[in-house]
Amino acid sequence: MTPFTVRAAKAADEPAILAIAKDEMAAQAHLDPRFRPRADALGRYALYLRDRLREMDSTVFVAEEGDRIVGVAVGSIRVQDAFFEMRRFGYVSDLMVVPDARRKGVGRALWARVALWFRSVGVAVVRLHVAVRSPEARAFWKSVGAEDFLAEAWIDLPALEPWRDGTTGRSEDASGEADVVGGERLAGDADIL
């Protein structure tokens, strides 16, 4: 195995990181079609990456094998203004390793570097999302200490049933804003339609 190093990402790494992200998007869509990327997904990811590289409360690290980037990790500090004691936490949005560099310690090294960055800025808790249909990713995160915290669910809603007159039952007030769907008044928020 060629030795690899982990370093802070720089703007010049963008093409290599985007190539990894593109392949990962395709792999996730193959695992679960609900992850099918939009037509402009790569452009949006490029903007997202540039923001993470620029922001003080985010970090991006890459793993390099020779002069080839084989992995990337993205972390950010987030604040939860809710009712919970733990308000400030780290969030790992991405940890991606090219297939031929997996199971060689690259993911662990990226995670260790992101975790060290979080601790250095006073963050003691990290959260992340892991695709249920990705047993490899789930096993990796479990192996570094992640435990289940929340369960996110997905519900495909049925189409609105047409009324007898062929419409969907959506009514509009004088301003053109819908406030009734299927004969039921919405909970006081006509702006959501």
N, C-alpha and C. Protein backbone atom coordinates (compact mmCIF):
# COMPACT_ATOMS: atom_id res chain seq x y z
N MET A 1 0.84 -1.19 0.00
CA MET A 1 0.00 0.00 0.00
C MET A 1 0.88 1.25 0.00
N THR A 2 0.56 2.18 -0.89
CA THR A 2 1.26 3.46 -0.92
C THR A 2 0.84 4.26 0.30
N PRO A 3 1.80 4.88 0.99
CA PRO A 3 1.41 5.69 2.15
C PRO A 3 0.56 6.89 1.73
N PHE A 4 -0.31 7.28 2.62
CA PHE A 4 -1.15 8.44 2.34
C PHE A 4 -0.96 9.45 3.47
N THR A 5 -1.31 10.69 3.17
CA THR A 5 -1.27 11.74 4.17
C THR A 5 -2.62 12.44 4.18
N VAL A 6 -2.94 13.04 5.31
CA VAL A 6 -4.17 13.82 5.43
C VAL A 6 -3.75 15.27 5.66
N ARG A 7 -4.37 16.15 4.89
CA ARG A 7 -4.05 17.57 5.00
C ARG A 7 -5.31 18.39 4.78
N ALA A 8 -5.22 19.66 5.16
CA ALA A 8 -6.33 20.58 4.91
C ALA A 8 -6.50 20.74 3.40
N ALA A 9 -7.73 20.75 2.96
CA ALA A 9 -8.01 20.93 1.53
C ALA A 9 -7.77 22.37 1.13
N LYS A 10 -7.53 22.58 -0.14
CA LYS A 10 -7.36 23.93 -0.68
C LYS A 10 -8.20 24.03 -1.95
N ALA A 11 -8.39 25.24 -2.42
CA ALA A 11 -9.24 25.48 -3.59
C ALA A 11 -8.79 24.66 -4.79
N ALA A 12 -7.50 24.46 -4.96
CA ALA A 12 -6.99 23.71 -6.11
C ALA A 12 -7.40 22.24 -6.09
N ASP A 13 -7.87 21.76 -4.94
CA ASP A 13 -8.31 20.35 -4.82
C ASP A 13 -9.72 20.14 -5.35
N GLU A 14 -10.42 21.22 -5.67
CA GLU A 14 -11.83 21.11 -6.04
C GLU A 14 -12.10 20.08 -7.14
N PRO A 15 -11.37 20.06 -8.27
CA PRO A 15 -11.70 19.06 -9.31
C PRO A 15 -11.62 17.62 -8.81
N ALA A 16 -10.60 17.31 -8.02
CA ALA A 16 -10.47 15.95 -7.50
C ALA A 16 -11.59 15.62 -6.51
N ILE A 17 -11.92 16.59 -5.66
CA ILE A 17 -13.00 16.36 -4.69
C ILE A 17 -14.33 16.19 -5.42
N LEU A 18 -14.57 16.99 -6.45
CA LEU A 18 -15.81 16.86 -7.21
C LEU A 18 -15.90 15.51 -7.91
N ALA A 19 -14.79 15.00 -8.40
CA ALA A 19 -14.80 13.67 -9.02
C ALA A 19 -15.19 12.60 -8.01
N ILE A 20 -14.65 12.71 -6.79
CA ILE A 20 -15.00 11.75 -5.73
C ILE A 20 -16.48 11.89 -5.39
N ALA A 21 -16.95 13.13 -5.25
CA ALA A 21 -18.36 13.37 -4.91
C ALA A 21 -19.29 12.84 -6.00
N LYS A 22 -18.94 13.05 -7.25
CA LYS A 22 -19.77 12.55 -8.37
C LYS A 22 -19.90 11.03 -8.31
N ASP A 23 -18.79 10.34 -8.10
CA ASP A 23 -18.83 8.88 -8.01
C ASP A 23 -19.64 8.42 -6.80
N GLU A 24 -19.49 9.14 -5.68
CA GLU A 24 -20.24 8.78 -4.47
C GLU A 24 -21.73 9.01 -4.65
N MET A 25 -22.11 10.10 -5.33
CA MET A 25 -23.53 10.35 -5.61
C MET A 25 -24.11 9.21 -6.43
N ALA A 26 -23.37 8.75 -7.44
CA ALA A 26 -23.84 7.64 -8.27
C ALA A 26 -23.95 6.35 -7.45
N ALA A 27 -22.97 6.11 -6.58
CA ALA A 27 -23.00 4.91 -5.74
C ALA A 27 -24.19 4.94 -4.78
N GLN A 28 -24.46 6.10 -4.17
CA GLN A 28 -25.59 6.21 -3.26
C GLN A 28 -26.91 6.01 -4.00
N ALA A 29 -27.02 6.56 -5.20
CA ALA A 29 -28.25 6.39 -6.00
C ALA A 29 -28.45 4.93 -6.37
N HIS A 30 -27.34 4.21 -6.59
CA HIS A 30 -27.44 2.78 -6.90
C HIS A 30 -27.95 2.00 -5.68
N LEU A 31 -27.50 2.39 -4.49
CA LEU A 31 -27.96 1.74 -3.26
C LEU A 31 -29.42 2.04 -2.97
N ASP A 32 -29.83 3.27 -3.25
CA ASP A 32 -31.19 3.71 -2.93
C ASP A 32 -31.59 4.80 -3.92
N PRO A 33 -32.57 4.53 -4.77
CA PRO A 33 -32.95 5.51 -5.79
C PRO A 33 -33.43 6.85 -5.23
N ARG A 34 -33.77 6.89 -3.95
CA ARG A 34 -34.17 8.17 -3.35
C ARG A 34 -33.00 9.15 -3.29
N PHE A 35 -31.78 8.66 -3.48
CA PHE A 35 -30.60 9.51 -3.51
C PHE A 35 -30.20 9.90 -4.93
N ARG A 36 -31.10 9.68 -5.88
CA ARG A 36 -30.79 10.06 -7.26
C ARG A 36 -30.49 11.56 -7.31
N PRO A 37 -29.30 11.93 -7.82
CA PRO A 37 -28.94 13.34 -7.81
C PRO A 37 -29.69 14.15 -8.87
N ARG A 38 -29.89 15.41 -8.56
CA ARG A 38 -30.47 16.35 -9.50
C ARG A 38 -29.50 16.56 -10.65
N ALA A 39 -30.00 17.11 -11.76
CA ALA A 39 -29.15 17.38 -12.91
C ALA A 39 -28.02 18.36 -12.56
N ASP A 40 -28.29 19.28 -11.65
CA ASP A 40 -27.29 20.29 -11.28
C ASP A 40 -26.57 19.95 -9.97
N ALA A 41 -26.61 18.69 -9.56
CA ALA A 41 -26.05 18.30 -8.26
C ALA A 41 -24.56 18.62 -8.13
N LEU A 42 -23.79 18.35 -9.15
CA LEU A 42 -22.35 18.58 -9.04
C LEU A 42 -22.03 20.07 -8.92
N GLY A 43 -22.75 20.91 -9.66
CA GLY A 43 -22.56 22.35 -9.53
C GLY A 43 -22.93 22.84 -8.15
N ARG A 44 -24.02 22.30 -7.61
CA ARG A 44 -24.43 22.68 -6.26
C ARG A 44 -23.39 22.21 -5.23
N TYR A 45 -22.84 21.01 -5.44
CA TYR A 45 -21.83 20.52 -4.51
C TYR A 45 -20.58 21.40 -4.58
N ALA A 46 -20.22 21.87 -5.77
CA ALA A 46 -19.06 22.75 -5.90
C ALA A 46 -19.27 24.03 -5.08
N LEU A 47 -20.46 24.60 -5.15
CA LEU A 47 -20.76 25.80 -4.35
C LEU A 47 -20.70 25.49 -2.86
N TYR A 48 -21.28 24.36 -2.48
CA TYR A 48 -21.26 23.91 -1.09
C TYR A 48 -19.81 23.75 -0.60
N LEU A 49 -18.98 23.11 -1.42
CA LEU A 49 -17.58 22.88 -1.06
C LEU A 49 -16.84 24.21 -0.89
N ARG A 50 -17.05 25.12 -1.80
CA ARG A 50 -16.38 26.43 -1.70
C ARG A 50 -16.79 27.15 -0.41
N ASP A 51 -18.08 27.05 -0.05
CA ASP A 51 -18.53 27.66 1.20
C ASP A 51 -17.83 27.02 2.39
N ARG A 52 -17.72 25.68 2.42
CA ARG A 52 -17.08 25.00 3.54
C ARG A 52 -15.60 25.36 3.62
N LEU A 53 -14.95 25.54 2.49
CA LEU A 53 -13.53 25.90 2.49
C LEU A 53 -13.31 27.32 3.01
N ARG A 54 -14.29 28.16 2.83
CA ARG A 54 -14.18 29.58 3.18
C ARG A 54 -14.62 29.88 4.61
N GLU A 55 -15.58 29.14 5.13
CA GLU A 55 -16.18 29.46 6.44
C GLU A 55 -15.27 29.07 7.60
N MET A 56 -15.28 29.91 8.61
CA MET A 56 -14.46 29.66 9.80
C MET A 56 -15.01 28.52 10.66
N ASP A 57 -16.31 28.24 10.55
CA ASP A 57 -16.89 27.18 11.38
C ASP A 57 -17.01 25.86 10.62
N SER A 58 -16.24 25.71 9.54
CA SER A 58 -16.21 24.47 8.76
C SER A 58 -14.78 24.09 8.47
N THR A 59 -14.60 22.82 8.12
CA THR A 59 -13.28 22.34 7.74
C THR A 59 -13.42 21.29 6.65
N VAL A 60 -12.42 21.21 5.80
CA VAL A 60 -12.37 20.18 4.76
C VAL A 60 -10.96 19.61 4.76
N PHE A 61 -10.87 18.30 4.86
CA PHE A 61 -9.58 17.61 4.80
C PHE A 61 -9.60 16.63 3.64
N VAL A 62 -8.43 16.42 3.05
CA VAL A 62 -8.30 15.41 2.00
C VAL A 62 -7.22 14.42 2.40
N ALA A 63 -7.39 13.21 1.89
CA ALA A 63 -6.35 12.19 2.03
C ALA A 63 -5.67 12.08 0.67
N GLU A 64 -4.37 12.11 0.69
CA GLU A 64 -3.60 12.10 -0.55
C GLU A 64 -2.67 10.89 -0.56
N GLU A 65 -2.69 10.16 -1.65
CA GLU A 65 -1.81 9.01 -1.84
C GLU A 65 -0.89 9.39 -3.01
N GLY A 66 0.34 9.71 -2.70
CA GLY A 66 1.20 10.29 -3.74
C GLY A 66 0.66 11.67 -4.07
N ASP A 67 0.36 11.89 -5.35
CA ASP A 67 -0.25 13.17 -5.71
C ASP A 67 -1.70 12.99 -6.13
N ARG A 68 -2.32 11.91 -5.68
CA ARG A 68 -3.72 11.61 -5.97
C ARG A 68 -4.57 11.74 -4.72
N ILE A 69 -5.66 12.49 -4.80
CA ILE A 69 -6.58 12.61 -3.67
C ILE A 69 -7.50 11.39 -3.67
N VAL A 70 -7.50 10.67 -2.53
CA VAL A 70 -8.26 9.42 -2.45
C VAL A 70 -9.41 9.50 -1.44
N GLY A 71 -9.55 10.63 -0.75
CA GLY A 71 -10.63 10.76 0.21
C GLY A 71 -10.81 12.20 0.62
N VAL A 72 -11.99 12.48 1.14
CA VAL A 72 -12.33 13.83 1.60
C VAL A 72 -13.27 13.73 2.79
N ALA A 73 -13.11 14.66 3.72
CA ALA A 73 -14.02 14.75 4.87
C ALA A 73 -14.40 16.21 5.05
N VAL A 74 -15.68 16.44 5.32
CA VAL A 74 -16.20 17.79 5.52
C VAL A 74 -16.91 17.84 6.86
N GLY A 75 -16.52 18.80 7.69
CA GLY A 75 -17.16 18.98 8.99
C GLY A 75 -17.52 20.43 9.23
N SER A 76 -18.58 20.64 10.00
CA SER A 76 -19.02 22.00 10.32
C SER A 76 -19.50 22.04 11.77
N ILE A 77 -19.44 23.22 12.34
CA ILE A 77 -20.02 23.44 13.66
C ILE A 77 -21.45 23.92 13.46
N ARG A 78 -22.36 23.30 14.17
CA ARG A 78 -23.77 23.70 14.08
C ARG A 78 -24.29 24.02 15.47
N VAL A 79 -25.34 24.84 15.49
CA VAL A 79 -25.99 25.22 16.74
C VAL A 79 -27.45 24.82 16.65
N GLN A 80 -27.91 24.17 17.69
CA GLN A 80 -29.31 23.75 17.77
C GLN A 80 -30.00 24.61 18.81
N ASP A 81 -30.80 25.55 18.34
CA ASP A 81 -31.54 26.41 19.26
C ASP A 81 -32.89 25.80 19.55
N ALA A 82 -32.88 24.84 20.41
CA ALA A 82 -34.12 24.15 20.78
C ALA A 82 -34.19 24.11 22.31
N PHE A 83 -34.67 23.03 22.83
CA PHE A 83 -34.87 22.88 24.27
C PHE A 83 -33.82 21.99 24.92
N PHE A 84 -32.82 21.59 24.16
CA PHE A 84 -31.85 20.63 24.66
C PHE A 84 -30.62 21.33 25.22
N GLU A 85 -30.03 20.71 26.21
CA GLU A 85 -28.84 21.27 26.83
C GLU A 85 -27.68 21.36 25.84
N MET A 86 -27.49 20.32 25.04
CA MET A 86 -26.40 20.30 24.07
C MET A 86 -26.80 21.14 22.86
N ARG A 87 -26.29 22.35 22.78
CA ARG A 87 -26.67 23.27 21.70
C ARG A 87 -25.66 23.26 20.56
N ARG A 88 -24.37 23.25 20.87
CA ARG A 88 -23.33 23.35 19.85
C ARG A 88 -22.77 21.96 19.60
N PHE A 89 -22.72 21.57 18.33
CA PHE A 89 -22.21 20.25 18.00
C PHE A 89 -21.50 20.28 16.65
N GLY A 90 -20.70 19.27 16.42
CA GLY A 90 -20.05 19.11 15.13
C GLY A 90 -20.93 18.28 14.22
N TYR A 91 -20.84 18.54 12.95
CA TYR A 91 -21.61 17.76 11.98
C TYR A 91 -20.68 17.34 10.84
N VAL A 92 -20.60 16.05 10.59
CA VAL A 92 -19.83 15.54 9.47
C VAL A 92 -20.82 15.32 8.33
N SER A 93 -20.71 16.16 7.31
CA SER A 93 -21.63 16.05 6.17
C SER A 93 -21.11 15.06 5.15
N ASP A 94 -19.81 14.90 5.07
CA ASP A 94 -19.22 13.99 4.08
C ASP A 94 -17.96 13.36 4.61
N LEU A 95 -17.83 12.07 4.37
CA LEU A 95 -16.58 11.36 4.52
C LEU A 95 -16.59 10.33 3.40
N MET A 96 -15.83 10.62 2.35
CA MET A 96 -15.85 9.79 1.14
C MET A 96 -14.43 9.32 0.83
N VAL A 97 -14.32 8.05 0.50
CA VAL A 97 -13.04 7.45 0.13
C VAL A 97 -13.25 6.70 -1.18
N VAL A 98 -12.33 6.87 -2.13
CA VAL A 98 -12.46 6.16 -3.40
C VAL A 98 -12.40 4.65 -3.14
N PRO A 99 -13.13 3.86 -3.92
CA PRO A 99 -13.23 2.41 -3.64
C PRO A 99 -11.90 1.69 -3.50
N ASP A 100 -10.90 1.99 -4.34
CA ASP A 100 -9.63 1.25 -4.26
C ASP A 100 -8.76 1.65 -3.07
N ALA A 101 -9.17 2.67 -2.32
CA ALA A 101 -8.41 3.08 -1.14
C ALA A 101 -9.14 2.72 0.15
N ARG A 102 -10.27 2.05 0.05
CA ARG A 102 -11.03 1.68 1.25
C ARG A 102 -10.38 0.50 1.97
N ARG A 103 -10.68 0.41 3.24
CA ARG A 103 -10.17 -0.65 4.11
C ARG A 103 -8.63 -0.61 4.23
N LYS A 104 -8.10 0.61 4.09
CA LYS A 104 -6.65 0.81 4.22
C LYS A 104 -6.34 1.88 5.26
N GLY A 105 -7.36 2.30 6.03
CA GLY A 105 -7.14 3.29 7.08
C GLY A 105 -7.38 4.73 6.65
N VAL A 106 -7.74 4.96 5.39
CA VAL A 106 -7.95 6.32 4.90
C VAL A 106 -9.14 6.97 5.61
N GLY A 107 -10.27 6.27 5.67
CA GLY A 107 -11.46 6.81 6.33
C GLY A 107 -11.19 7.11 7.80
N ARG A 108 -10.52 6.20 8.48
CA ARG A 108 -10.19 6.42 9.90
C ARG A 108 -9.28 7.63 10.08
N ALA A 109 -8.31 7.78 9.20
CA ALA A 109 -7.40 8.91 9.31
C ALA A 109 -8.13 10.23 9.05
N LEU A 110 -9.03 10.25 8.07
CA LEU A 110 -9.83 11.45 7.82
C LEU A 110 -10.70 11.76 9.02
N TRP A 111 -11.36 10.74 9.55
CA TRP A 111 -12.22 10.94 10.72
C TRP A 111 -11.40 11.46 11.90
N ALA A 112 -10.23 10.87 12.14
CA ALA A 112 -9.39 11.30 13.27
C ALA A 112 -9.00 12.77 13.12
N ARG A 113 -8.73 13.19 11.90
CA ARG A 113 -8.33 14.59 11.68
C ARG A 113 -9.51 15.54 11.90
N VAL A 114 -10.69 15.16 11.40
CA VAL A 114 -11.88 15.99 11.61
C VAL A 114 -12.22 16.04 13.11
N ALA A 115 -12.15 14.90 13.78
CA ALA A 115 -12.45 14.85 15.21
C ALA A 115 -11.48 15.73 16.00
N LEU A 116 -10.20 15.70 15.62
CA LEU A 116 -9.22 16.55 16.29
C LEU A 116 -9.55 18.03 16.07
N TRP A 117 -9.96 18.38 14.86
CA TRP A 117 -10.35 19.77 14.59
C TRP A 117 -11.53 20.17 15.46
N PHE A 118 -12.54 19.31 15.55
CA PHE A 118 -13.70 19.62 16.40
C PHE A 118 -13.26 19.85 17.84
N ARG A 119 -12.43 18.95 18.38
CA ARG A 119 -11.99 19.12 19.78
C ARG A 119 -11.19 20.40 19.94
N SER A 120 -10.41 20.77 18.93
CA SER A 120 -9.57 21.98 19.04
C SER A 120 -10.39 23.26 19.05
N VAL A 121 -11.63 23.19 18.59
CA VAL A 121 -12.50 24.38 18.62
C VAL A 121 -13.58 24.23 19.69
N GLY A 122 -13.39 23.31 20.62
CA GLY A 122 -14.27 23.19 21.77
C GLY A 122 -15.54 22.39 21.55
N VAL A 123 -15.60 21.61 20.50
CA VAL A 123 -16.79 20.79 20.23
C VAL A 123 -16.57 19.40 20.81
N ALA A 124 -17.54 18.92 21.59
CA ALA A 124 -17.40 17.64 22.26
C ALA A 124 -18.30 16.54 21.70
N VAL A 125 -19.24 16.91 20.84
CA VAL A 125 -20.20 15.94 20.29
C VAL A 125 -20.27 16.13 18.78
N VAL A 126 -20.33 15.01 18.06
CA VAL A 126 -20.44 15.05 16.60
C VAL A 126 -21.67 14.26 16.18
N ARG A 127 -22.38 14.83 15.23
CA ARG A 127 -23.55 14.14 14.65
C ARG A 127 -23.32 13.97 13.16
N LEU A 128 -24.02 13.02 12.57
CA LEU A 128 -23.92 12.75 11.15
C LEU A 128 -25.10 11.92 10.71
N HIS A 129 -25.32 11.87 9.41
CA HIS A 129 -26.34 11.00 8.82
C HIS A 129 -25.64 9.86 8.11
N VAL A 130 -26.19 8.67 8.21
CA VAL A 130 -25.67 7.50 7.52
C VAL A 130 -26.83 6.82 6.81
N ALA A 131 -26.66 6.54 5.53
CA ALA A 131 -27.72 5.89 4.75
C ALA A 131 -27.98 4.48 5.29
N VAL A 132 -29.22 4.19 5.55
CA VAL A 132 -29.62 2.89 6.09
C VAL A 132 -29.21 1.75 5.16
N ARG A 133 -29.27 1.99 3.86
CA ARG A 133 -28.96 0.94 2.89
C ARG A 133 -27.48 0.87 2.54
N SER A 134 -26.64 1.47 3.36
CA SER A 134 -25.20 1.42 3.15
C SER A 134 -24.54 0.72 4.33
N PRO A 135 -24.55 -0.62 4.32
CA PRO A 135 -23.98 -1.34 5.47
C PRO A 135 -22.50 -1.05 5.68
N GLU A 136 -21.77 -0.78 4.62
CA GLU A 136 -20.35 -0.46 4.74
C GLU A 136 -20.15 0.83 5.54
N ALA A 137 -20.94 1.85 5.20
CA ALA A 137 -20.82 3.13 5.93
C ALA A 137 -21.29 2.98 7.37
N ARG A 138 -22.37 2.25 7.56
CA ARG A 138 -22.88 2.05 8.93
C ARG A 138 -21.85 1.33 9.79
N ALA A 139 -21.21 0.31 9.22
CA ALA A 139 -20.20 -0.44 9.97
C ALA A 139 -18.99 0.45 10.28
N PHE A 140 -18.59 1.28 9.30
CA PHE A 140 -17.46 2.18 9.55
C PHE A 140 -17.76 3.09 10.73
N TRP A 141 -18.90 3.78 10.68
CA TRP A 141 -19.19 4.75 11.74
C TRP A 141 -19.35 4.07 13.10
N LYS A 142 -19.93 2.88 13.11
CA LYS A 142 -20.04 2.15 14.37
C LYS A 142 -18.65 1.81 14.91
N SER A 143 -17.73 1.47 14.00
CA SER A 143 -16.38 1.08 14.43
C SER A 143 -15.60 2.24 15.04
N VAL A 144 -15.99 3.48 14.73
CA VAL A 144 -15.28 4.63 15.32
C VAL A 144 -16.07 5.25 16.47
N GLY A 145 -17.12 4.54 16.91
CA GLY A 145 -17.81 4.97 18.12
C GLY A 145 -19.18 5.59 17.94
N ALA A 146 -19.66 5.71 16.71
CA ALA A 146 -20.99 6.30 16.51
C ALA A 146 -22.06 5.34 17.01
N GLU A 147 -23.08 5.91 17.60
CA GLU A 147 -24.23 5.11 18.02
C GLU A 147 -25.50 5.75 17.50
N ASP A 148 -26.52 4.94 17.31
CA ASP A 148 -27.79 5.47 16.81
C ASP A 148 -28.32 6.52 17.77
N PHE A 149 -28.86 7.59 17.20
CA PHE A 149 -29.37 8.70 18.00
C PHE A 149 -30.79 9.06 17.58
N LEU A 150 -31.00 9.33 16.33
CA LEU A 150 -32.32 9.64 15.80
C LEU A 150 -32.61 8.71 14.64
N ALA A 151 -33.86 8.45 14.39
CA ALA A 151 -34.25 7.70 13.20
C ALA A 151 -35.00 8.66 12.28
N GLU A 152 -34.50 8.83 11.08
CA GLU A 152 -35.16 9.68 10.09
C GLU A 152 -36.02 8.78 9.21
N ALA A 153 -37.24 9.18 8.97
CA ALA A 153 -38.17 8.35 8.19
C ALA A 153 -38.51 9.04 6.87
N TRP A 154 -39.00 8.25 5.94
CA TRP A 154 -39.38 8.71 4.60
C TRP A 154 -40.78 8.18 4.33
N ILE A 155 -41.67 9.05 3.89
CA ILE A 155 -43.03 8.64 3.54
C ILE A 155 -43.34 9.18 2.15
N ASP A 156 -43.64 8.29 1.21
CA ASP A 156 -44.12 8.72 -0.10
C ASP A 156 -45.62 8.96 0.02
N LEU A 157 -46.04 10.20 -0.13
CA LEU A 157 -47.45 10.55 -0.01
C LEU A 157 -48.19 10.23 -1.30
N PRO A 158 -49.41 9.75 -1.18
CA PRO A 158 -50.19 9.48 -2.40
C PRO A 158 -50.62 10.81 -3.03
N ALA A 159 -50.92 10.75 -4.32
CA ALA A 159 -51.40 11.93 -5.01
C ALA A 159 -52.76 12.33 -4.43
N LEU A 160 -53.10 13.60 -4.56
CA LEU A 160 -54.42 14.05 -4.13
C LEU A 160 -55.49 13.35 -4.94
N GLU A 161 -56.52 12.90 -4.27
CA GLU A 161 -57.63 12.25 -4.97
C GLU A 161 -58.48 13.30 -5.66
N PRO A 162 -58.81 13.09 -6.92
CA PRO A 162 -59.67 14.07 -7.59
C PRO A 162 -61.08 14.05 -7.00
N TRP A 163 -61.68 15.22 -6.95
CA TRP A 163 -63.07 15.33 -6.51
C TRP A 163 -63.97 14.93 -7.66
N ARG A 164 -65.23 14.86 -7.39
CA ARG A 164 -66.19 14.44 -8.42
C ARG A 164 -66.12 15.31 -9.67
N ASP A 165 -65.76 16.58 -9.50
CA ASP A 165 -65.71 17.45 -10.67
C ASP A 165 -64.37 17.38 -11.40
N GLY A 166 -63.48 16.48 -10.99
CA GLY A 166 -62.20 16.30 -11.67
C GLY A 166 -61.07 17.16 -11.12
N THR A 167 -61.36 18.08 -10.20
CA THR A 167 -60.30 18.91 -9.62
C THR A 167 -59.67 18.16 -8.46
N THR A 168 -58.62 18.73 -7.90
CA THR A 168 -57.97 18.10 -6.75
C THR A 168 -58.57 18.55 -5.43
N GLY A 169 -59.56 19.41 -5.48
CA GLY A 169 -60.17 19.89 -4.25
C GLY A 169 -59.44 21.06 -3.65
N ARG A 170 -58.48 21.60 -4.33
CA ARG A 170 -57.72 22.74 -3.84
C ARG A 170 -58.50 24.01 -4.17
N SER A 171 -58.74 24.80 -3.16
CA SER A 171 -59.46 26.05 -3.40
C SER A 171 -58.53 27.22 -3.19
N GLU A 172 -58.82 28.33 -3.78
CA GLU A 172 -57.99 29.52 -3.64
C GLU A 172 -58.85 30.68 -3.18
N ASP A 173 -58.26 31.53 -2.35
CA ASP A 173 -58.98 32.72 -1.93
C ASP A 173 -58.78 33.82 -2.98
N ALA A 174 -59.24 35.00 -2.71
CA ALA A 174 -59.17 36.08 -3.69
C ALA A 174 -57.73 36.42 -4.08
N SER A 175 -56.77 36.18 -3.19
CA SER A 175 -55.37 36.49 -3.51
C SER A 175 -54.73 35.39 -4.33
N GLY A 176 -55.43 34.29 -4.56
CA GLY A 176 -54.87 33.17 -5.31
C GLY A 176 -54.11 32.19 -4.45
N GLU A 177 -54.12 32.39 -3.13
CA GLU A 177 -53.41 31.48 -2.24
C GLU A 177 -54.34 30.35 -1.80
N ALA A 178 -53.84 29.13 -1.86
CA ALA A 178 -54.65 27.99 -1.46
C ALA A 178 -54.73 27.92 0.06
N ASP A 179 -55.91 27.65 0.58
CA ASP A 179 -56.03 27.47 2.02
C ASP A 179 -56.84 26.23 2.37
N VAL A 180 -57.28 25.50 1.37
CA VAL A 180 -58.04 24.28 1.60
C VAL A 180 -57.51 23.21 0.66
N VAL A 181 -57.23 22.03 1.19
CA VAL A 181 -56.80 20.89 0.37
C VAL A 181 -57.69 19.72 0.71
N GLY A 182 -58.28 19.13 -0.32
CA GLY A 182 -59.13 17.95 -0.10
C GLY A 182 -60.25 18.22 0.86
N GLY A 183 -60.76 19.44 0.90
CA GLY A 183 -61.89 19.76 1.76
C GLY A 183 -61.50 20.13 3.18
N GLU A 184 -60.20 20.07 3.53
CA GLU A 184 -59.78 20.39 4.90
C GLU A 184 -58.97 21.68 4.91
N ARG A 185 -59.29 22.54 5.85
CA ARG A 185 -58.56 23.78 5.99
C ARG A 185 -57.19 23.48 6.56
N LEU A 186 -56.16 24.13 6.00
CA LEU A 186 -54.82 23.95 6.52
C LEU A 186 -54.69 24.65 7.85
N ALA A 187 -53.67 24.28 8.59
CA ALA A 187 -53.50 24.79 9.95
C ALA A 187 -53.04 26.25 9.96
N GLY A 188 -53.80 27.11 9.34
CA GLY A 188 -53.52 28.54 9.43
C GLY A 188 -52.34 29.03 8.63
N ASP A 189 -51.82 28.24 7.68
CA ASP A 189 -50.67 28.68 6.94
C ASP A 189 -50.91 28.50 5.44
N ALA A 190 -51.54 29.50 4.85
CA ALA A 190 -51.84 29.44 3.43
C ALA A 190 -50.58 29.58 2.59
N ASP A 191 -49.48 30.03 3.17
CA ASP A 191 -48.25 30.25 2.41
C ASP A 191 -47.53 28.97 2.05
N ILE A 192 -47.88 27.82 2.62
CA ILE A 192 -47.12 26.62 2.35
C ILE A 192 -47.46 26.00 1.01
N LEU A 193 -48.53 26.39 0.40
CA LEU A 193 -48.82 25.84 -0.93
C LEU A 193 -48.46 26.81 -1.94
